[in-house]
Amino acid sequence: MAKKVTVSIPDMLHEKMEEWRESFNLSKMFQDAVTEAIQRKEDLQKRIREDLDLNQIVDRLRQEKMQSEGNYYDSGKSDGVVWAKTAHYEDLMYALGWSDFDKVVEDEVFGDYFSLKKARNALMAVTPDGINEYFRVYLEGWKNGVEQFWQEVQDKL
């Protein structure tokens, strides 16, 4: 059984359709076009399911995410050590007790420093809810770098 469907079209197209109404079966043209579009979508979904197992894709993306986060952690750790080597004692003590990562760009000690780091990396972002996962992983690495530096020097002071 056929169903009626209402389709909105621009005035100019409507005028052209009226001119050629007798030359075309517009209903059949519409059916063919929609059938073809749906078939292309279904074929694409089928190829995705058959060509690449979704579990394999998820596993690959999960590994890439972990690698990316690892790179951010390592980069943060390296930057933390570099910062700690030149930090004043009071700033170093502040960094060791600091944990409010979500307010990092507003922090009176670290705000400017981390704003520059964020500006140089498009994936590190601050949202109204706080920092995103890339920025958080970077900061965790940074703090770990500062802590490792401190462990090396504290007993020598």
C-alpha atoms as a PDB file:
ATOM      1  CA  MET A   1       0.000   0.000   0.000  1.00  0.00           C
ATOM      2  CA  ALA A   2       1.325   3.430  -0.928  1.00  0.00           C
ATOM      3  CA  LYS A   3       1.559   6.270   1.611  1.00  0.00           C
ATOM      4  CA  LYS A   4       1.390   9.977   0.819  1.00  0.00           C
ATOM      5  CA  VAL A   5       4.283  12.153   1.918  1.00  0.00           C
ATOM      6  CA  THR A   6       4.441  15.936   1.866  1.00  0.00           C
ATOM      7  CA  VAL A   7       7.694  17.422   0.592  1.00  0.00           C
ATOM      8  CA  SER A   8       8.677  21.082   0.766  1.00  0.00           C
ATOM      9  CA  ILE A   9      10.485  22.509  -2.242  1.00  0.00           C
ATOM     10  CA  PRO A  10      11.582  26.007  -3.255  1.00  0.00           C
ATOM     11  CA  ASP A  11       9.210  28.064  -5.409  1.00  0.00           C
ATOM     12  CA  MET A  12      11.571  28.027  -8.381  1.00  0.00           C
ATOM     13  CA  LEU A  13      11.721  24.218  -8.384  1.00  0.00           C
ATOM     14  CA  HIS A  14       7.935  24.046  -8.096  1.00  0.00           C
ATOM     15  CA  GLU A  15       7.579  26.250 -11.186  1.00  0.00           C
ATOM     16  CA  LYS A  16       9.961  24.033 -13.152  1.00  0.00           C
ATOM     17  CA  MET A  17       8.122  20.913 -12.002  1.00  0.00           C
ATOM     18  CA  GLU A  18       4.822  22.383 -13.186  1.00  0.00           C
ATOM     19  CA  GLU A  19       6.369  23.049 -16.609  1.00  0.00           C
ATOM     20  CA  TRP A  20       7.581  19.467 -16.961  1.00  0.00           C
ATOM     21  CA  ARG A  21       4.921  17.606 -14.967  1.00  0.00           C
ATOM     22  CA  GLU A  22       3.685  15.762 -18.074  1.00  0.00           C
ATOM     23  CA  SER A  23       7.196  14.616 -19.033  1.00  0.00           C
ATOM     24  CA  PHE A  24       8.114  13.024 -15.723  1.00  0.00           C
ATOM     25  CA  ASN A  25       6.618  10.686 -13.185  1.00  0.00           C
ATOM     26  CA  LEU A  26       7.634  12.847 -10.215  1.00  0.00           C
ATOM     27  CA  SER A  27       6.383  10.354  -7.669  1.00  0.00           C
ATOM     28  CA  LYS A  28       8.521   7.604  -9.215  1.00  0.00           C
ATOM     29  CA  MET A  29      11.553   9.931  -9.416  1.00  0.00           C
ATOM     30  CA  PHE A  30      11.197  10.763  -5.719  1.00  0.00           C
ATOM     31  CA  GLN A  31      10.822   7.084  -4.797  1.00  0.00           C
ATOM     32  CA  ASP A  32      13.886   6.140  -6.824  1.00  0.00           C
ATOM     33  CA  ALA A  33      16.001   8.942  -5.329  1.00  0.00           C
ATOM     34  CA  VAL A  34      15.037   8.097  -1.734  1.00  0.00           C
ATOM     35  CA  THR A  35      15.502   4.368  -2.347  1.00  0.00           C
ATOM     36  CA  GLU A  36      18.986   4.987  -3.755  1.00  0.00           C
ATOM     37  CA  ALA A  37      19.988   7.275  -0.855  1.00  0.00           C
ATOM     38  CA  ILE A  38      18.820   4.740   1.738  1.00  0.00           C
ATOM     39  CA  GLN A  39      20.558   1.898  -0.108  1.00  0.00           C
ATOM     40  CA  ARG A  40      23.856   3.826  -0.129  1.00  0.00           C
ATOM     41  CA  LYS A  41      23.596   4.410   3.649  1.00  0.00           C
ATOM     42  CA  GLU A  42      22.768   0.759   4.313  1.00  0.00           C
ATOM     43  CA  ASP A  43      25.623  -0.404   2.061  1.00  0.00           C
ATOM     44  CA  LEU A  44      28.078   1.872   3.888  1.00  0.00           C
ATOM     45  CA  GLN A  45      26.959   0.588   7.279  1.00  0.00           C
ATOM     46  CA  LYS A  46      27.239  -2.985   6.045  1.00  0.00           C
ATOM     47  CA  ARG A  47      30.765  -2.359   4.685  1.00  0.00           C
ATOM     48  CA  ILE A  48      31.831  -0.832   7.980  1.00  0.00           C
ATOM     49  CA  ARG A  49      30.498  -3.819   9.902  1.00  0.00           C
ATOM     50  CA  GLU A  50      31.959  -6.379   7.511  1.00  0.00           C
ATOM     51  CA  ASP A  51      35.224  -4.756   6.455  1.00  0.00           C
ATOM     52  CA  LEU A  52      36.367  -3.718   9.875  1.00  0.00           C
ATOM     53  CA  ASP A  53      35.192  -5.392  13.019  1.00  0.00           C
ATOM     54  CA  LEU A  54      33.880  -2.667  15.323  1.00  0.00           C
ATOM     55  CA  ASN A  55      35.710  -4.204  18.271  1.00  0.00           C
ATOM     56  CA  GLN A  56      38.994  -3.891  16.388  1.00  0.00           C
ATOM     57  CA  ILE A  57      38.286  -0.240  15.642  1.00  0.00           C
ATOM     58  CA  VAL A  58      37.439   0.476  19.286  1.00  0.00           C
ATOM     59  CA  ASP A  59      40.600  -1.337  20.447  1.00  0.00           C
ATOM     60  CA  ARG A  60      42.756   0.638  18.016  1.00  0.00           C
ATOM     61  CA  LEU A  61      41.217   3.949  19.051  1.00  0.00           C
ATOM     62  CA  ARG A  62      41.597   3.049  22.732  1.00  0.00           C
ATOM     63  CA  GLN A  63      45.314   2.318  22.188  1.00  0.00           C
ATOM     64  CA  GLU A  64      45.770   5.583  20.273  1.00  0.00           C
ATOM     65  CA  LYS A  65      44.036   7.478  23.075  1.00  0.00           C
ATOM     66  CA  MET A  66      46.298   5.880  25.696  1.00  0.00           C
ATOM     67  CA  GLN A  67      49.362   6.689  23.603  1.00  0.00           C
ATOM     68  CA  SER A  68      48.220  10.274  23.154  1.00  0.00           C
ATOM     69  CA  GLU A  69      47.533  10.637  26.876  1.00  0.00           C
ATOM     70  CA  GLY A  70      50.939   9.084  27.574  1.00  0.00           C
ATOM     71  CA  ASN A  71      52.570  11.682  25.368  1.00  0.00           C
ATOM     72  CA  TYR A  72      50.775  14.447  27.294  1.00  0.00           C
ATOM     73  CA  TYR A  73      51.834  12.930  30.613  1.00  0.00           C
ATOM     74  CA  ASP A  74      55.472  12.608  29.519  1.00  0.00           C
ATOM     75  CA  SER A  75      55.488  16.115  28.093  1.00  0.00           C
ATOM     76  CA  GLY A  76      54.004  17.496  31.308  1.00  0.00           C
ATOM     77  CA  LYS A  77      56.518  15.571  33.408  1.00  0.00           C
ATOM     78  CA  SER A  78      59.433  16.918  31.395  1.00  0.00           C
ATOM     79  CA  ASP A  79      58.090  20.479  31.647  1.00  0.00           C
ATOM     80  CA  GLY A  80      57.589  20.009  35.406  1.00  0.00           C
ATOM     81  CA  VAL A  81      61.224  19.039  35.924  1.00  0.00           C
ATOM     82  CA  VAL A  82      62.425  21.976  33.813  1.00  0.00           C
ATOM     83  CA  TRP A  83      60.200  24.383  35.752  1.00  0.00           C
ATOM     84  CA  ALA A  84      61.274  22.990  39.125  1.00  0.00           C
ATOM     85  CA  LYS A  85      64.971  23.440  38.305  1.00  0.00           C
ATOM     86  CA  THR A  86      64.515  27.209  38.052  1.00  0.00           C
ATOM     87  CA  ALA A  87      61.682  27.689  40.554  1.00  0.00           C
ATOM     88  CA  HIS A  88      62.031  29.718  43.739  1.00  0.00           C
ATOM     89  CA  TYR A  89      61.770  27.692  46.926  1.00  0.00           C
ATOM     90  CA  GLU A  90      58.352  29.174  47.850  1.00  0.00           C
ATOM     91  CA  ASP A  91      56.939  28.463  44.397  1.00  0.00           C
ATOM     92  CA  LEU A  92      58.278  24.932  44.606  1.00  0.00           C
ATOM     93  CA  MET A  93      56.575  24.404  47.972  1.00  0.00           C
ATOM     94  CA  TYR A  94      53.364  25.835  46.532  1.00  0.00           C
ATOM     95  CA  ALA A  95      53.567  23.471  43.544  1.00  0.00           C
ATOM     96  CA  LEU A  96      54.076  20.444  45.777  1.00  0.00           C
ATOM     97  CA  GLY A  97      50.887  21.226  47.717  1.00  0.00           C
ATOM     98  CA  TRP A  98      48.906  22.410  44.704  1.00  0.00           C
ATOM     99  CA  SER A  99      46.080  20.183  43.447  1.00  0.00           C
ATOM    100  CA  ASP A 100      43.318  22.427  42.045  1.00  0.00           C
ATOM    101  CA  PHE A 101      43.904  21.566  38.397  1.00  0.00           C
ATOM    102  CA  ASP A 102      40.476  22.785  37.269  1.00  0.00           C
ATOM    103  CA  LYS A 103      41.360  26.366  38.266  1.00  0.00           C
ATOM    104  CA  VAL A 104      44.863  26.246  36.812  1.00  0.00           C
ATOM    105  CA  VAL A 105      44.570  29.240  34.466  1.00  0.00           C
ATOM    106  CA  GLU A 106      43.059  31.326  37.288  1.00  0.00           C
ATOM    107  CA  ASP A 107      45.763  30.372  39.786  1.00  0.00           C
ATOM    108  CA  GLU A 108      47.754  33.427  40.922  1.00  0.00           C
ATOM    109  CA  VAL A 109      51.064  31.538  40.851  1.00  0.00           C
ATOM    110  CA  PHE A 110      50.627  29.282  37.815  1.00  0.00           C
ATOM    111  CA  GLY A 111      47.897  31.014  35.785  1.00  0.00           C
ATOM    112  CA  ASP A 112      50.138  32.782  33.268  1.00  0.00           C
ATOM    113  CA  TYR A 113      52.538  29.845  32.941  1.00  0.00           C
ATOM    114  CA  PHE A 114      49.828  27.283  32.184  1.00  0.00           C
ATOM    115  CA  SER A 115      47.811  29.681  30.020  1.00  0.00           C
ATOM    116  CA  LEU A 116      50.836  29.812  27.714  1.00  0.00           C
ATOM    117  CA  LYS A 117      51.160  26.013  27.736  1.00  0.00           C
ATOM    118  CA  LYS A 118      47.456  25.677  26.887  1.00  0.00           C
ATOM    119  CA  ALA A 119      47.671  28.272  24.112  1.00  0.00           C
ATOM    120  CA  ARG A 120      50.451  26.270  22.442  1.00  0.00           C
ATOM    121  CA  ASN A 121      48.410  23.066  22.344  1.00  0.00           C
ATOM    122  CA  ALA A 122      45.009  22.956  20.649  1.00  0.00           C
ATOM    123  CA  LEU A 123      43.884  19.784  22.442  1.00  0.00           C
ATOM    124  CA  MET A 124      44.392  21.193  25.942  1.00  0.00           C
ATOM    125  CA  ALA A 125      41.287  23.197  26.803  1.00  0.00           C
ATOM    126  CA  VAL A 126      39.464  24.849  29.667  1.00  0.00           C
ATOM    127  CA  THR A 127      35.672  24.597  29.773  1.00  0.00           C
ATOM    128  CA  PRO A 128      33.187  26.092  32.240  1.00  0.00           C
ATOM    129  CA  ASP A 129      33.349  22.737  34.068  1.00  0.00           C
ATOM    130  CA  GLY A 130      37.146  22.784  34.343  1.00  0.00           C
ATOM    131  CA  ILE A 131      39.948  21.394  32.214  1.00  0.00           C
ATOM    132  CA  ASN A 132      39.631  18.662  29.611  1.00  0.00           C
ATOM    133  CA  GLU A 133      41.283  15.241  29.854  1.00  0.00           C
ATOM    134  CA  TYR A 134      44.376  16.199  27.814  1.00  0.00           C
ATOM    135  CA  PHE A 135      45.103  19.179  30.040  1.00  0.00           C
ATOM    136  CA  ARG A 136      44.482  17.077  33.174  1.00  0.00           C
ATOM    137  CA  VAL A 137      46.900  14.347  32.028  1.00  0.00           C
ATOM    138  CA  TYR A 138      49.508  16.982  31.158  1.00  0.00           C
ATOM    139  CA  LEU A 139      49.136  18.592  34.612  1.00  0.00           C
ATOM    140  CA  GLU A 140      49.379  15.218  36.361  1.00  0.00           C
ATOM    141  CA  GLY A 141      52.645  14.603  34.517  1.00  0.00           C
ATOM    142  CA  TRP A 142      53.840  18.141  35.310  1.00  0.00           C
ATOM    143  CA  LYS A 143      53.160  17.715  39.017  1.00  0.00           C
ATOM    144  CA  ASN A 144      54.861  14.311  38.988  1.00  0.00           C
ATOM    145  CA  GLY A 145      57.933  15.901  37.371  1.00  0.00           C
ATOM    146  CA  VAL A 146      58.034  18.556  40.102  1.00  0.00           C
ATOM    147  CA  GLU A 147      57.638  15.886  42.798  1.00  0.00           C
ATOM    148  CA  GLN A 148      60.425  13.745  41.326  1.00  0.00           C
ATOM    149  CA  PHE A 149      62.719  16.750  41.203  1.00  0.00           C
ATOM    150  CA  TRP A 150      61.903  17.530  44.833  1.00  0.00           C
ATOM    151  CA  GLN A 151      62.663  13.954  45.913  1.00  0.00           C
ATOM    152  CA  GLU A 152      66.112  14.306  44.411  1.00  0.00           C
ATOM    153  CA  VAL A 153      66.980  17.591  46.114  1.00  0.00           C
ATOM    154  CA  GLN A 154      65.053  17.715  49.419  1.00  0.00           C
ATOM    155  CA  ASP A 155      67.540  15.767  51.519  1.00  0.00           C
ATOM    156  CA  LYS A 156      70.402  17.917  50.214  1.00  0.00           C
ATOM    157  CA  LEU A 157      68.895  21.146  51.575  1.00  0.00           C
END
